[in-house]
């Protein structure tokens, strides 16, 4: 007998600029420059997943470094 797949959808509102800045600071281990936080917020639309992917790309490309 095959069990039915279950999933739970949780709708989360977009993060504001301060939330994106805090998320990014947690990932890189230091305070994020205000301009970069602004750019990340604008580019991601406040979506934490998009922000994390953008940060990963910036780190991989050597444009920012973790503390």
Protein backbone atom coordinates (compact mmCIF):
# COMPACT_ATOMS: atom_id res chain seq x y z
CA UNK A 1 0.00 0.00 0.00
CA UNK A 2 1.35 3.39 -0.97
CA UNK A 3 1.04 6.25 1.48
CA UNK A 4 -0.28 9.52 0.14
CA UNK A 5 2.27 12.30 -0.04
CA UNK A 6 1.62 15.05 2.45
CA UNK A 7 2.87 18.58 2.34
CA UNK A 8 2.28 21.69 4.33
CA UNK A 9 2.29 25.05 2.67
CA UNK A 10 3.28 27.99 4.80
CA UNK A 11 2.84 31.43 3.30
CA UNK A 12 5.44 33.84 4.60
CA UNK A 13 5.30 37.52 3.75
CA UNK A 14 8.36 39.07 2.11
CA UNK A 15 11.10 40.33 4.42
CA UNK A 16 11.65 44.05 4.65
CA UNK A 17 15.08 45.59 4.08
CA UNK A 18 16.02 45.15 7.75
CA UNK A 19 15.02 41.47 7.62
CA UNK A 20 17.10 40.89 4.48
CA UNK A 21 20.03 42.68 6.11
CA UNK A 22 19.73 40.52 9.24
CA UNK A 23 19.49 37.32 7.18
CA UNK A 24 22.53 38.25 5.12
CA UNK A 25 24.52 39.27 8.21
CA UNK A 26 23.77 35.90 9.77
CA UNK A 27 24.97 34.09 6.64
CA UNK A 28 28.22 36.01 6.23
CA UNK A 29 28.92 36.46 9.92
CA UNK A 30 29.23 40.23 9.94
CA UNK A 31 27.26 43.42 9.37
CA UNK A 32 26.27 43.98 5.77
CA UNK A 33 26.90 47.31 4.05
CA UNK A 34 23.67 49.30 3.75
CA UNK A 35 23.89 49.60 -0.02
CA UNK A 36 24.32 45.84 -0.46
CA UNK A 37 21.34 45.15 1.81
CA UNK A 38 19.30 47.57 -0.27
CA UNK A 39 20.40 45.90 -3.52
CA UNK A 40 19.66 42.42 -2.15
CA UNK A 41 16.23 43.50 -0.99
CA UNK A 42 15.37 45.08 -4.32
CA UNK A 43 16.69 42.12 -6.35
CA UNK A 44 15.03 39.47 -4.17
CA UNK A 45 11.74 41.23 -3.61
CA UNK A 46 12.14 40.28 0.05
CA UNK A 47 12.17 36.56 -0.75
CA UNK A 48 14.59 34.84 1.69
CA UNK A 49 15.27 31.98 -0.73
CA UNK A 50 16.28 34.34 -3.50
CA UNK A 51 18.43 36.27 -1.04
CA UNK A 52 20.25 33.12 0.08
CA UNK A 53 20.93 32.09 -3.52
CA UNK A 54 22.21 35.58 -4.37
CA UNK A 55 24.50 35.53 -1.33
CA UNK A 56 25.83 32.09 -2.28
CA UNK A 57 26.64 33.40 -5.75
CA UNK A 58 28.36 36.50 -4.37
CA UNK A 59 30.43 34.35 -2.01
CA UNK A 60 31.34 31.83 -4.74
CA UNK A 61 32.36 34.66 -7.08
CA UNK A 62 34.56 36.19 -4.37
CA UNK A 63 32.57 39.43 -4.31
CA UNK A 64 31.92 39.11 -0.58
CA UNK A 65 33.59 36.99 2.05
CA UNK A 66 32.35 35.33 5.18
CA UNK A 67 33.79 36.57 8.45
